[in-house]
C-alpha atoms as a PDB file:
ATOM      1  CA  UNK A   1       0.028   0.050   0.005  1.00  0.00           C
ATOM      2  CA  UNK A   2       0.995   3.541  -0.502  1.00  0.00           C
ATOM      3  CA  UNK A   3       1.498   5.907  -3.598  1.00  0.00           C
ATOM      4  CA  UNK A   4       5.100   7.362  -3.362  1.00  0.00           C
ATOM      5  CA  UNK A   5       8.246   6.349  -5.039  1.00  0.00           C
ATOM      6  CA  UNK A   6       9.193   3.899  -2.275  1.00  0.00           C
ATOM      7  CA  UNK A   7       5.778   1.925  -2.682  1.00  0.00           C
ATOM      8  CA  UNK A   8       6.150   2.010  -6.384  1.00  0.00           C
ATOM      9  CA  UNK A   9       9.705   1.022  -6.420  1.00  0.00           C
ATOM     10  CA  UNK A  10       9.246  -1.860  -3.703  1.00  0.00           C
ATOM     11  CA  UNK A  11       6.234  -3.342  -5.630  1.00  0.00           C
ATOM     12  CA  UNK A  12       7.871  -3.213  -8.993  1.00  0.00           C
ATOM     13  CA  UNK A  13      11.048  -5.070  -7.221  1.00  0.00           C
ATOM     14  CA  UNK A  14       8.583  -7.599  -5.792  1.00  0.00           C
ATOM     15  CA  UNK A  15       6.548  -8.097  -8.851  1.00  0.00           C
ATOM     16  CA  UNK A  16       9.743  -9.826 -10.528  1.00  0.00           C
ATOM     17  CA  UNK A  17       9.117 -12.905  -8.435  1.00  0.00           C
ATOM     18  CA  UNK A  18       5.898 -12.525  -6.437  1.00  0.00           C
ATOM     19  CA  UNK A  19       2.145 -11.879  -7.508  1.00  0.00           C
ATOM     20  CA  UNK A  20       1.843  -8.052  -6.068  1.00  0.00           C
ATOM     21  CA  UNK A  21      -1.368  -5.928  -5.712  1.00  0.00           C
ATOM     22  CA  UNK A  22      -0.425  -2.336  -5.282  1.00  0.00           C
ATOM     23  CA  UNK A  23      -3.593  -0.380  -3.648  1.00  0.00           C
ATOM     24  CA  UNK A  24      -3.469   3.357  -3.591  1.00  0.00           C
ATOM     25  CA  UNK A  25      -6.327   5.615  -2.350  1.00  0.00           C
ATOM     26  CA  UNK A  26      -6.217   8.443  -5.414  1.00  0.00           C
ATOM     27  CA  UNK A  27      -7.216   8.015  -8.815  1.00  0.00           C
ATOM     28  CA  UNK A  28      -3.827   8.595 -10.112  1.00  0.00           C
ATOM     29  CA  UNK A  29      -0.280   8.506  -9.037  1.00  0.00           C
ATOM     30  CA  UNK A  30       0.769  12.250  -8.855  1.00  0.00           C
ATOM     31  CA  UNK A  31       3.944  12.304  -6.494  1.00  0.00           C
ATOM     32  CA  UNK A  32       5.858   9.769  -8.398  1.00  0.00           C
ATOM     33  CA  UNK A  33       9.159  10.162 -10.522  1.00  0.00           C
ATOM     34  CA  UNK A  34       8.517   9.753 -14.377  1.00  0.00           C
ATOM     35  CA  UNK A  35      10.833   6.853 -14.513  1.00  0.00           C
ATOM     36  CA  UNK A  36       8.887   5.020 -11.951  1.00  0.00           C
ATOM     37  CA  UNK A  37       5.394   5.816 -13.654  1.00  0.00           C
ATOM     38  CA  UNK A  38       7.178   4.233 -17.086  1.00  0.00           C
ATOM     39  CA  UNK A  39       8.134   1.295 -15.233  1.00  0.00           C
ATOM     40  CA  UNK A  40       5.010   0.979 -13.344  1.00  0.00           C
ATOM     41  CA  UNK A  41       2.897   1.092 -16.613  1.00  0.00           C
ATOM     42  CA  UNK A  42       4.847  -1.439 -18.551  1.00  0.00           C
ATOM     43  CA  UNK A  43       4.709  -3.844 -15.568  1.00  0.00           C
ATOM     44  CA  UNK A  44       0.931  -3.253 -15.419  1.00  0.00           C
ATOM     45  CA  UNK A  45       0.750  -3.890 -19.190  1.00  0.00           C
ATOM     46  CA  UNK A  46       2.925  -7.119 -18.976  1.00  0.00           C
ATOM     47  CA  UNK A  47       0.529  -8.415 -16.065  1.00  0.00           C
ATOM     48  CA  UNK A  48       3.477  -8.579 -13.734  1.00  0.00           C
ATOM     49  CA  UNK A  49       1.477  -6.278 -11.257  1.00  0.00           C
ATOM     50  CA  UNK A  50      -1.950  -5.343 -10.387  1.00  0.00           C
ATOM     51  CA  UNK A  51      -2.622  -1.808  -9.477  1.00  0.00           C
ATOM     52  CA  UNK A  52      -5.922  -1.071  -7.367  1.00  0.00           C
ATOM     53  CA  UNK A  53      -6.447   2.605  -8.087  1.00  0.00           C
ATOM     54  CA  UNK A  54      -9.173   4.406  -5.934  1.00  0.00           C
ATOM     55  CA  UNK A  55      -8.901   1.567  -3.409  1.00  0.00           C
ATOM     56  CA  UNK A  56      -9.075   1.731   0.553  1.00  0.00           C
ATOM     57  CA  UNK A  57      -7.966  -1.041   2.679  1.00  0.00           C
ATOM     58  CA  UNK A  58     -10.915  -2.318   5.140  1.00  0.00           C
ATOM     59  CA  UNK A  59      -9.091  -5.118   6.803  1.00  0.00           C
ATOM     60  CA  UNK A  60      -6.174  -7.320   7.047  1.00  0.00           C
ATOM     61  CA  UNK A  61      -6.262 -10.992   8.540  1.00  0.00           C
ATOM     62  CA  UNK A  62      -3.953 -13.983   8.534  1.00  0.00           C
ATOM     63  CA  UNK A  63      -5.014 -15.210   5.008  1.00  0.00           C
ATOM     64  CA  UNK A  64      -6.734 -12.160   3.317  1.00  0.00           C
ATOM     65  CA  UNK A  65      -7.262  -8.391   2.921  1.00  0.00           C
ATOM     66  CA  UNK A  66     -10.467  -6.730   2.064  1.00  0.00           C
ATOM     67  CA  UNK A  67     -10.208  -3.773  -0.329  1.00  0.00           C
ATOM     68  CA  UNK A  68     -13.297  -1.414  -1.242  1.00  0.00           C
ATOM     69  CA  UNK A  69     -12.409  -0.109  -4.554  1.00  0.00           C
ATOM     70  CA  UNK A  70     -14.115   3.173  -6.115  1.00  0.00           C
ATOM     71  CA  UNK A  71     -17.318   4.702  -4.455  1.00  0.00           C
ATOM     72  CA  UNK A  72     -20.403   2.846  -3.321  1.00  0.00           C
ATOM     73  CA  UNK A  73     -18.685  -0.512  -4.365  1.00  0.00           C
ATOM     74  CA  UNK A  74     -18.940  -3.517  -2.556  1.00  0.00           C
ATOM     75  CA  UNK A  75     -15.416  -4.733  -0.600  1.00  0.00           C
ATOM     76  CA  UNK A  76     -13.309  -7.367  -2.468  1.00  0.00           C
ATOM     77  CA  UNK A  77     -11.355 -10.036  -0.821  1.00  0.00           C
ATOM     78  CA  UNK A  78      -8.071 -10.795  -1.801  1.00  0.00           C
ATOM     79  CA  UNK A  79      -5.759 -13.779  -0.700  1.00  0.00           C
ATOM     80  CA  UNK A  80      -2.659 -12.530   1.156  1.00  0.00           C
ATOM     81  CA  UNK A  81       0.142 -13.667   2.808  1.00  0.00           C
ATOM     82  CA  UNK A  82       2.248 -10.523   3.350  1.00  0.00           C
ATOM     83  CA  UNK A  83       1.517  -6.875   3.339  1.00  0.00           C
ATOM     84  CA  UNK A  84       3.889  -3.884   2.939  1.00  0.00           C
ATOM     85  CA  UNK A  85       2.583  -0.545   3.983  1.00  0.00           C
ATOM     86  CA  UNK A  86       4.265   2.687   2.860  1.00  0.00           C
ATOM     87  CA  UNK A  87       2.290   5.341   4.811  1.00  0.00           C
ATOM     88  CA  UNK A  88       4.430   8.477   4.882  1.00  0.00           C
ATOM     89  CA  UNK A  89       7.480   9.238   6.743  1.00  0.00           C
ATOM     90  CA  UNK A  90       6.261   7.934  10.041  1.00  0.00           C
ATOM     91  CA  UNK A  91       4.503   4.467  10.219  1.00  0.00           C
ATOM     92  CA  UNK A  92       1.597   4.474  12.541  1.00  0.00           C
ATOM     93  CA  UNK A  93       2.729   1.615  14.422  1.00  0.00           C
ATOM     94  CA  UNK A  94       0.835   1.947  17.535  1.00  0.00           C
ATOM     95  CA  UNK A  95      -2.401   2.187  15.581  1.00  0.00           C
ATOM     96  CA  UNK A  96      -1.499  -0.763  13.532  1.00  0.00           C
ATOM     97  CA  UNK A  97      -0.507  -2.934  16.674  1.00  0.00           C
ATOM     98  CA  UNK A  98      -3.694  -1.884  18.228  1.00  0.00           C
ATOM     99  CA  UNK A  99      -5.690  -3.234  15.245  1.00  0.00           C
ATOM    100  CA  UNK A 100      -3.799  -6.682  15.758  1.00  0.00           C
ATOM    101  CA  UNK A 101      -1.340  -6.375  12.897  1.00  0.00           C
ATOM    102  CA  UNK A 102       2.047  -7.562  13.501  1.00  0.00           C
ATOM    103  CA  UNK A 103       4.918  -5.033  12.562  1.00  0.00           C
ATOM    104  CA  UNK A 104       8.072  -6.096  11.288  1.00  0.00           C
ATOM    105  CA  UNK A 105      10.626  -3.024  10.435  1.00  0.00           C
ATOM    106  CA  UNK A 106      13.326  -3.870   8.015  1.00  0.00           C
ATOM    107  CA  UNK A 107      15.264  -0.908   7.134  1.00  0.00           C
ATOM    108  CA  UNK A 108      17.998  -1.611   4.460  1.00  0.00           C
ATOM    109  CA  UNK A 109      16.771  -5.251   3.804  1.00  0.00           C
ATOM    110  CA  UNK A 110      16.117  -6.240   0.190  1.00  0.00           C
ATOM    111  CA  UNK A 111      13.312  -8.847  -0.104  1.00  0.00           C
ATOM    112  CA  UNK A 112      13.531 -10.272  -3.754  1.00  0.00           C
ATOM    113  CA  UNK A 113      11.150 -13.242  -2.860  1.00  0.00           C
ATOM    114  CA  UNK A 114       8.443 -13.780  -0.219  1.00  0.00           C
ATOM    115  CA  UNK A 115       8.243 -17.460   1.022  1.00  0.00           C
END
């Protein structure tokens, strides 16, 4: 999740070896570098990456996430085994932990394939 360069770059990196869904609340990416926009559109066109624009995360559980997409649209469940959240400069750790989400911080680690 997220809409900045770090979210897009991570999604592109992970999509080389994983099925990735990138969720973004806005209808367009308006803060990313032009090169990232080109790479994102190419990955989408090649089917390497799913992008859910205008989406909002409703819930995360052990095996699924629930996203609402667009206005007045029923939420859709997606199978899930790992969620990356790129939510600005400071992660709302306390809020996420209170919601029952296990937080693992990995600064500087590169994850090419999730097992």
